[in-house]
Amino acid sequence: MGTSKRTTLQDGGPEGKQAAPISPSRRAKSGDVLLVVMVAVCLCLPAAFQISGLAKPTSENRTLAKRPGWPVSLADYRTFPQRMTAFVDDHFGLRDHLVRWNSELRLKLGTSSSPSVAIGKDGVLFYAYHPEYLLEQHTGEDVFTQAQLDAWVRSVVSERDWLKGRGIAFYIVIAPDKSTIYPELLPDYPRLPNATTRLDQVVARLKDVKDLEFIDPRPELWRAKHSAVLYPRADSHWGPRGAYIAYGKLMARVSQSFPNAHAVSLDSYRSSILPMHGDLAFLLNLYEQLLYPEEVIQWKGRSHLVSTNQQPPPKGWGWLVKYMHTDLADSPRLIVFGDSFTDYVMGPLFLYETFRDPVYTHHNGTPLNHDLIEATRPDLVVLELAERYLRLY
């Protein structure tokens, strides 16, 4: 018998040829190729979105770098790389998405994506802008020296005397920061033993100063915070209830000298709860994402505010001036040197519904604008200072 020529699968013969196994080096090479492709896609995707215009950056709390023009001088050539880098950094595709995703992730982890915002308990946001030293003021690390405190008091007394010589009443209103009214919601920023604040120092020092109308609404705000929301969750300013408490305390003083100045009542307003944005959410690049139900109030009837005329800054002042016309011909005339606590809330809601033809401008962190006062000829001047600005005035 002859020898069988049949081959088996194991023999690798024609009846069942076995494929050669893929070597480990070949698998590694395929993985490297896949990794390179994925990296290339990730690198090219932002550029593709930028070129297509599908991912334009949204507004931020700063001015984004502009596209640099072609260099035409030696100085232009020297700075062109830096200007082009700044432009690309601010405008590359998907930048807005990446920034927002980073902010959302950090917020879920209880950390802030901005050094100007602190994440408090229950996710309540606090303003922490470092040049204004808000948290350092709260903890007692940033206070007046005795010389600074004396200079501050001399400044406001000098303003009082200048106004008094012209028959104009003067009132100072402090708008406490959210961290002062809700310290229990702050992240862990321990106060120093027996700590005092700049506002504490001012209040104690003014006890020795006569005839200076200084309105500190902290006691009333502390009492009211257990029954009402005074400061919105994602904003650094007081809300309508907080502003009304300060307004009420101010008007109690004003009415003693101006009985024809009639304070408005909350009964004249319609209250509703609406999803609201906040300036602190804006600083986190989450302005559209962080919406919380907050109280909004609106005047029920016809507003006393007839018109508003906003003028450019007077020479040497630096801030716009708002001239308002009201139908309150028998009320005293008011000029306010304030900040965003007045401009955003207390002014349009309450003050401008109370006085004849009020005028508003920012206090500018400086002495009052005497030229504007003499041109306006008000019956009373209100200086509203956010607590954070005590160190600047």
Protein backbone atom coordinates (compact mmCIF):
# COMPACT_ATOMS: atom_id res chain seq x y z
CA MET A 1 0.00 0.00 0.00
CA GLY A 2 1.24 3.43 -0.78
CA THR A 3 1.65 6.16 1.73
CA SER A 4 -1.40 8.44 2.02
CA LYS A 5 -0.83 11.93 0.65
CA ARG A 6 -3.81 13.44 2.52
CA THR A 7 -2.81 16.38 4.65
CA THR A 8 -4.56 17.56 7.75
CA LEU A 9 -5.45 20.99 9.01
CA GLN A 10 -2.58 20.71 11.43
CA ASP A 11 -0.25 20.09 8.54
CA GLY A 12 -1.19 23.44 7.00
CA GLY A 13 -1.80 21.67 3.71
CA PRO A 14 -4.26 22.45 0.94
CA GLU A 15 -7.25 21.05 2.83
CA GLY A 16 -7.01 23.66 5.67
CA LYS A 17 -4.25 26.21 5.53
CA GLN A 18 -3.81 27.86 8.95
CA ALA A 19 -3.40 31.71 9.10
CA ALA A 20 -0.22 32.91 10.70
CA PRO A 21 -0.83 34.54 14.12
CA ILE A 22 -0.49 38.33 14.37
CA SER A 23 2.72 39.14 16.14
CA PRO A 24 2.72 41.39 19.26
CA SER A 25 4.86 43.94 17.42
CA ARG A 26 2.24 44.20 14.68
CA ARG A 27 -0.55 44.76 17.24
CA ALA A 28 1.49 47.50 18.92
CA LYS A 29 2.07 49.17 15.57
CA SER A 30 -1.69 49.17 14.83
CA GLY A 31 -2.37 50.70 18.24
CA ASP A 32 0.19 53.41 17.59
CA VAL A 33 -1.47 54.27 14.29
CA LEU A 34 -4.89 54.47 15.95
CA LEU A 35 -3.51 56.72 18.68
CA VAL A 36 -1.91 59.03 16.13
CA VAL A 37 -5.18 59.24 14.20
CA MET A 38 -7.14 60.07 17.38
CA VAL A 39 -4.65 62.77 18.39
CA ALA A 40 -4.72 64.24 14.89
CA VAL A 41 -8.52 64.37 14.95
CA CYS A 42 -8.49 66.09 18.36
CA LEU A 43 -5.96 68.63 17.12
CA CYS A 44 -7.76 69.32 13.88
CA LEU A 45 -11.32 69.39 15.23
CA PRO A 46 -11.08 72.82 16.93
CA ALA A 47 -9.51 74.30 13.80
CA ALA A 48 -12.25 72.77 11.68
CA PHE A 49 -14.94 74.29 13.89
CA GLN A 50 -13.17 77.65 13.83
CA ILE A 51 -12.87 77.70 10.04
CA SER A 52 -16.48 76.61 9.61
CA GLY A 53 -17.70 79.25 12.06
CA LEU A 54 -19.73 76.70 14.04
CA ALA A 55 -18.10 77.46 17.39
CA LYS A 56 -17.68 81.19 17.93
CA PRO A 57 -16.63 82.38 21.38
CA THR A 58 -19.35 83.94 23.51
CA SER A 59 -18.98 87.12 25.52
CA GLU A 60 -16.71 87.14 28.53
CA ASN A 61 -16.13 89.65 31.28
CA ARG A 62 -13.19 91.06 29.34
CA THR A 63 -12.31 92.18 25.83
CA LEU A 64 -11.08 89.32 23.65
CA ALA A 65 -7.92 89.85 21.62
CA LYS A 66 -8.53 91.19 18.11
CA ARG A 67 -7.09 89.69 14.94
CA PRO A 68 -3.75 91.44 14.36
CA GLY A 69 -3.19 93.18 11.06
CA TRP A 70 -0.25 92.40 8.83
CA PRO A 71 2.93 93.99 10.21
CA VAL A 72 3.98 97.14 8.40
CA SER A 73 6.83 98.29 10.61
CA LEU A 74 9.70 96.82 12.57
CA ALA A 75 7.77 97.29 15.81
CA ASP A 76 4.82 95.39 14.29
CA TYR A 77 7.08 92.51 13.28
CA ARG A 78 8.48 92.29 16.82
CA THR A 79 5.06 92.11 18.48
CA PHE A 80 3.21 90.16 15.78
CA PRO A 81 3.90 86.68 17.26
CA GLN A 82 2.58 87.71 20.68
CA ARG A 83 -0.50 89.40 19.20
CA MET A 84 -1.28 86.43 16.98
CA THR A 85 -0.84 84.03 19.91
CA ALA A 86 -3.25 86.10 22.01
CA PHE A 87 -5.78 86.10 19.18
CA VAL A 88 -5.59 82.33 18.66
CA ASP A 89 -5.79 81.69 22.41
CA ASP A 90 -9.02 83.70 22.60
CA HIS A 91 -10.67 82.44 19.41
CA PHE A 92 -9.69 78.84 18.73
CA GLY A 93 -12.57 76.52 17.89
CA LEU A 94 -14.51 74.92 20.75
CA ARG A 95 -12.79 77.23 23.25
CA ASP A 96 -16.11 78.34 24.72
CA HIS A 97 -17.28 74.75 25.09
CA LEU A 98 -14.06 73.67 26.79
CA VAL A 99 -14.13 76.63 29.17
CA ARG A 100 -17.77 75.92 30.06
CA TRP A 101 -17.18 72.20 30.54
CA ASN A 102 -14.26 72.97 32.82
CA SER A 103 -16.43 75.36 34.87
CA GLU A 104 -19.29 72.86 35.13
CA LEU A 105 -17.00 70.05 36.23
CA ARG A 106 -15.28 72.21 38.83
CA LEU A 107 -18.63 73.41 40.19
CA LYS A 108 -19.83 69.82 40.60
CA LEU A 109 -16.62 69.10 42.51
CA GLY A 110 -17.24 72.13 44.74
CA THR A 111 -14.36 74.22 43.41
CA SER A 112 -14.35 77.49 41.47
CA SER A 113 -13.04 78.03 37.96
CA SER A 114 -12.50 81.73 38.72
CA PRO A 115 -10.36 83.32 41.44
CA SER A 116 -13.07 86.00 41.73
CA VAL A 117 -15.75 83.55 42.88
CA ALA A 118 -15.86 81.35 45.98
CA ILE A 119 -18.18 78.34 46.11
CA GLY A 120 -19.96 78.36 49.46
CA LYS A 121 -22.12 75.83 51.23
CA ASP A 122 -25.13 74.51 49.30
CA GLY A 123 -23.51 75.90 46.15
CA VAL A 124 -24.11 79.56 47.10
CA LEU A 125 -21.68 81.82 45.23
CA PHE A 126 -19.65 84.60 46.87
CA TYR A 127 -17.64 87.41 45.33
CA ALA A 128 -13.93 87.03 46.07
CA TYR A 129 -12.25 89.52 43.74
CA HIS A 130 -8.79 89.79 45.24
CA PRO A 131 -7.97 93.49 44.66
CA GLU A 132 -11.04 94.35 46.76
CA TYR A 133 -10.06 91.85 49.48
CA LEU A 134 -13.63 90.83 50.29
CA LEU A 135 -12.84 87.62 52.12
CA GLU A 136 -9.82 89.17 53.81
CA GLN A 137 -12.11 91.93 55.09
CA HIS A 138 -14.50 89.29 56.39
CA THR A 139 -11.80 87.37 58.24
CA GLY A 140 -10.29 90.52 59.75
CA GLU A 141 -7.04 90.26 57.81
CA ASP A 142 -7.65 93.50 55.89
CA VAL A 143 -8.52 96.43 58.17
CA PHE A 144 -7.84 100.16 58.51
CA THR A 145 -4.76 101.37 60.27
CA GLN A 146 -5.56 104.11 62.77
CA ALA A 147 -4.18 106.73 60.40
CA GLN A 148 -6.30 105.37 57.52
CA LEU A 149 -9.43 105.31 59.67
CA ASP A 150 -8.88 108.89 60.82
CA ALA A 151 -8.37 110.01 57.21
CA TRP A 152 -11.59 108.23 56.14
CA VAL A 153 -13.60 109.97 58.85
CA ARG A 154 -12.06 113.37 58.08
CA SER A 155 -13.03 112.92 54.44
CA VAL A 156 -16.73 112.26 55.07
CA VAL A 157 -16.94 114.97 57.76
CA SER A 158 -15.42 117.42 55.30
CA GLU A 159 -18.08 116.47 52.74
CA ARG A 160 -20.81 116.91 55.34
CA ASP A 161 -19.56 120.39 56.24
CA TRP A 162 -19.24 121.44 52.58
CA LEU A 163 -22.83 120.32 51.88
CA LYS A 164 -24.18 121.82 55.10
CA GLY A 165 -22.75 125.20 54.10
CA ARG A 166 -24.98 125.03 51.01
CA GLY A 167 -28.08 123.84 52.83
CA ILE A 168 -27.83 120.27 51.51
CA ALA A 169 -28.41 117.24 53.73
CA PHE A 170 -25.94 114.34 53.59
CA TYR A 171 -26.59 110.63 54.20
CA ILE A 172 -24.18 107.71 53.99
CA VAL A 173 -25.65 104.24 53.35
CA ILE A 174 -23.55 101.08 53.56
CA ALA A 175 -24.51 98.08 51.43
CA PRO A 176 -23.10 95.03 53.27
CA ASP A 177 -21.51 92.30 51.21
CA LYS A 178 -23.20 88.93 51.00
CA SER A 179 -20.40 87.37 53.06
CA THR A 180 -21.26 89.73 55.95
CA ILE A 181 -24.93 88.79 56.02
CA TYR A 182 -24.50 85.07 55.30
CA PRO A 183 -21.14 84.12 56.86
CA GLU A 184 -22.48 80.67 57.75
CA LEU A 185 -22.69 79.82 54.03
CA LEU A 186 -19.12 80.78 53.25
CA PRO A 187 -16.54 78.10 52.49
CA ASP A 188 -14.08 77.53 55.30
CA TYR A 189 -12.57 80.98 55.79
CA PRO A 190 -12.00 81.10 59.54
CA ARG A 191 -12.18 84.49 61.23
CA LEU A 192 -9.28 85.58 63.36
CA PRO A 193 -9.89 85.59 67.15
CA ASN A 194 -11.69 88.80 68.14
CA ALA A 195 -11.62 89.84 64.48
CA THR A 196 -13.02 93.19 63.43
CA THR A 197 -13.84 94.48 59.96
CA ARG A 198 -13.44 97.83 58.26
CA LEU A 199 -17.17 98.43 58.68
CA ASP A 200 -16.95 97.58 62.40
CA GLN A 201 -14.11 100.09 62.70
CA VAL A 202 -16.05 102.83 60.94
CA VAL A 203 -19.20 102.29 63.01
CA ALA A 204 -17.23 102.38 66.26
CA ARG A 205 -15.30 105.49 65.22
CA LEU A 206 -18.39 107.43 64.10
CA LYS A 207 -19.96 107.13 67.55
CA ASP A 208 -17.75 110.07 68.46
CA VAL A 209 -18.86 112.13 65.44
CA LYS A 210 -21.99 114.24 65.80
CA ASP A 211 -24.47 115.21 63.11
CA LEU A 212 -23.38 112.63 60.55
CA GLU A 213 -26.20 110.51 59.13
CA PHE A 214 -24.64 107.06 58.76
CA ILE A 215 -26.98 104.18 57.92
CA ASP A 216 -25.72 100.69 58.71
CA PRO A 217 -28.50 98.18 57.86
CA ARG A 218 -26.67 95.07 59.07
CA PRO A 219 -28.77 94.47 62.23
CA GLU A 220 -32.03 94.63 60.26
CA LEU A 221 -30.62 92.40 57.50
CA TRP A 222 -29.37 89.81 59.99
CA ARG A 223 -32.80 89.62 61.59
CA ALA A 224 -34.67 89.41 58.29
CA LYS A 225 -32.50 86.76 56.60
CA HIS A 226 -34.27 83.95 58.50
CA SER A 227 -37.62 84.80 56.91
CA ALA A 228 -36.66 86.07 53.44
CA VAL A 229 -33.97 85.66 50.80
CA LEU A 230 -32.00 88.92 50.84
CA TYR A 231 -29.15 88.13 48.44
CA PRO A 232 -29.62 86.01 45.29
CA ARG A 233 -27.80 82.70 45.16
CA ALA A 234 -25.62 83.47 42.12
CA ASP A 235 -25.22 87.24 42.49
CA SER A 236 -23.01 89.50 44.62
CA HIS A 237 -25.68 92.20 45.17
CA TRP A 238 -28.62 92.32 47.46
CA GLY A 239 -32.02 91.41 46.07
CA PRO A 240 -35.24 93.46 46.34
CA ARG A 241 -35.90 92.47 49.97
CA GLY A 242 -32.40 93.33 51.12
CA ALA A 243 -32.40 96.64 49.23
CA TYR A 244 -35.82 97.55 50.65
CA ILE A 245 -34.61 97.05 54.21
CA ALA A 246 -31.72 99.48 53.65
CA TYR A 247 -34.03 101.89 51.80
CA GLY A 248 -36.53 101.79 54.68
CA LYS A 249 -33.87 102.62 57.24
CA LEU A 250 -32.60 105.47 55.06
CA MET A 251 -36.09 106.90 54.57
CA ALA A 252 -36.78 106.77 58.31
CA ARG A 253 -33.90 109.24 58.73
CA VAL A 254 -34.74 111.32 55.65
CA SER A 255 -38.37 111.84 56.65
CA GLN A 256 -37.27 113.51 59.87
CA SER A 257 -35.85 116.41 57.86
CA PHE A 258 -38.02 116.05 54.73
CA PRO A 259 -41.60 115.16 55.75
CA ASN A 260 -42.70 115.55 52.12
CA ALA A 261 -40.47 112.62 51.10
CA HIS A 262 -42.85 109.66 51.23
CA ALA A 263 -41.31 106.20 51.25
CA VAL A 264 -42.84 103.65 48.90
CA SER A 265 -44.40 100.51 50.36
CA LEU A 266 -43.85 96.95 49.20
CA ASP A 267 -47.64 96.76 48.91
CA SER A 268 -47.26 98.90 45.78
CA TYR A 269 -45.28 96.13 44.10
CA ARG A 270 -46.19 92.85 42.48
CA SER A 271 -43.95 89.96 43.54
CA SER A 272 -43.12 86.87 41.48
CA ILE A 273 -40.51 84.11 41.45
CA LEU A 274 -38.60 83.76 38.20
CA PRO A 275 -35.41 82.00 37.04
CA MET A 276 -32.70 84.65 37.28
CA HIS A 277 -29.11 85.05 36.13
CA GLY A 278 -26.33 86.35 38.37
CA ASP A 279 -23.10 88.29 37.96
CA LEU A 280 -21.14 85.56 39.78
CA ALA A 281 -22.44 82.93 37.36
CA PHE A 282 -21.20 85.20 34.58
CA LEU A 283 -17.71 85.25 36.13
CA LEU A 284 -17.79 81.44 36.13
CA ASN A 285 -18.72 81.43 32.41
CA LEU A 286 -21.98 79.75 33.41
CA TYR A 287 -24.35 82.68 32.92
CA GLU A 288 -26.84 80.72 30.83
CA GLN A 289 -26.44 77.48 32.79
CA LEU A 290 -26.90 78.72 36.38
CA LEU A 291 -30.47 79.92 36.67
CA TYR A 292 -32.06 79.98 40.12
CA PRO A 293 -35.59 80.94 41.18
CA GLU A 294 -35.40 84.41 42.73
CA GLU A 295 -37.91 87.06 43.74
CA VAL A 296 -38.65 89.81 41.23
CA ILE A 297 -40.82 92.80 42.11
CA GLN A 298 -42.54 95.24 39.76
CA TRP A 299 -44.40 98.46 40.38
CA LYS A 300 -48.13 97.75 40.12
CA GLY A 301 -49.34 101.08 38.84
CA ARG A 302 -47.86 103.84 36.73
CA SER A 303 -44.24 104.51 37.62
CA HIS A 304 -43.29 107.95 38.94
CA LEU A 305 -40.18 107.72 36.78
CA VAL A 306 -41.05 109.48 33.53
CA SER A 307 -37.73 109.44 31.67
CA THR A 308 -33.99 108.81 32.01
CA ASN A 309 -31.26 110.74 30.23
CA GLN A 310 -27.77 109.26 30.45
CA GLN A 311 -24.93 111.70 29.82
CA PRO A 312 -21.21 111.11 29.17
CA PRO A 313 -18.83 111.53 32.10
CA PRO A 314 -18.19 115.15 33.11
CA LYS A 315 -14.64 116.41 32.67
CA GLY A 316 -12.31 114.83 35.20
CA TRP A 317 -14.93 112.44 36.60
CA GLY A 318 -14.84 109.22 34.59
CA TRP A 319 -18.39 107.94 35.13
CA LEU A 320 -21.67 108.40 33.28
CA VAL A 321 -24.36 110.55 34.90
CA LYS A 322 -28.03 109.56 34.81
CA TYR A 323 -30.56 112.38 34.99
CA MET A 324 -34.05 111.15 35.77
CA HIS A 325 -37.33 113.03 35.51
CA THR A 326 -40.18 112.07 37.83
CA ASP A 327 -43.71 113.39 38.38
CA LEU A 328 -42.99 114.00 42.08
CA ALA A 329 -42.85 117.80 41.90
CA ASP A 330 -43.41 118.29 45.65
CA SER A 331 -40.69 115.88 46.79
CA PRO A 332 -37.10 116.91 47.61
CA ARG A 333 -34.49 116.50 44.89
CA LEU A 334 -31.87 113.78 45.31
CA ILE A 335 -28.43 113.08 43.92
CA VAL A 336 -26.89 109.67 44.58
CA PHE A 337 -23.20 108.84 44.47
CA GLY A 338 -23.39 105.06 44.54
CA ASP A 339 -22.36 101.81 42.92
CA SER A 340 -24.04 98.73 41.51
CA PHE A 341 -26.03 98.13 44.71
CA THR A 342 -27.89 101.35 43.91
CA ASP A 343 -27.70 101.34 40.13
CA TYR A 344 -29.02 97.78 39.73
CA VAL A 345 -31.47 97.42 42.61
CA MET A 346 -32.20 100.10 45.22
CA GLY A 347 -32.29 103.02 42.79
CA PRO A 348 -34.68 101.91 40.04
CA LEU A 349 -36.89 99.96 42.43
CA PHE A 350 -37.26 102.44 45.30
CA LEU A 351 -35.22 105.68 45.34
CA TYR A 352 -36.25 106.89 41.91
CA GLU A 353 -39.91 106.31 42.83
CA THR A 354 -39.52 108.58 45.86
CA PHE A 355 -37.70 111.79 44.92
CA ARG A 356 -38.00 114.65 42.45
CA ASP A 357 -35.76 114.36 39.40
CA PRO A 358 -33.03 112.22 40.99
CA VAL A 359 -29.49 112.10 39.60
CA TYR A 360 -27.16 109.12 39.82
CA THR A 361 -23.46 108.62 39.21
CA HIS A 362 -20.82 106.27 40.57
CA HIS A 363 -18.98 107.49 43.66
CA ASN A 364 -15.76 106.74 41.78
CA GLY A 365 -14.00 105.80 45.02
CA THR A 366 -13.23 109.49 45.48
CA PRO A 367 -14.66 112.58 47.20
CA LEU A 368 -17.98 113.82 45.88
CA ASN A 369 -18.18 115.69 42.59
CA HIS A 370 -18.80 119.23 43.85
CA ASP A 371 -19.28 120.65 40.36
CA LEU A 372 -22.07 118.17 39.66
CA ILE A 373 -23.72 118.95 42.99
CA GLU A 374 -23.65 122.70 42.39
CA ALA A 375 -25.03 122.21 38.88
CA THR A 376 -27.79 119.89 40.12
CA ARG A 377 -28.68 121.82 43.31
CA PRO A 378 -30.21 118.89 45.21
CA ASP A 379 -31.90 119.01 48.61
CA LEU A 380 -30.03 115.94 49.78
CA VAL A 381 -27.05 113.85 48.76
CA VAL A 382 -26.83 110.10 49.41
CA LEU A 383 -23.46 108.39 49.32
CA GLU A 384 -24.08 104.65 48.99
CA LEU A 385 -20.97 102.53 49.50
CA ALA A 386 -20.77 98.79 49.07
CA GLU A 387 -18.88 97.42 52.04
CA ARG A 388 -16.15 96.25 49.67
CA TYR A 389 -15.49 99.89 48.68
CA LEU A 390 -14.83 101.17 52.20
CA ARG A 391 -11.12 100.54 51.68
CA LEU A 392 -11.13 102.52 48.42
CA TYR A 393 -13.09 105.64 49.37
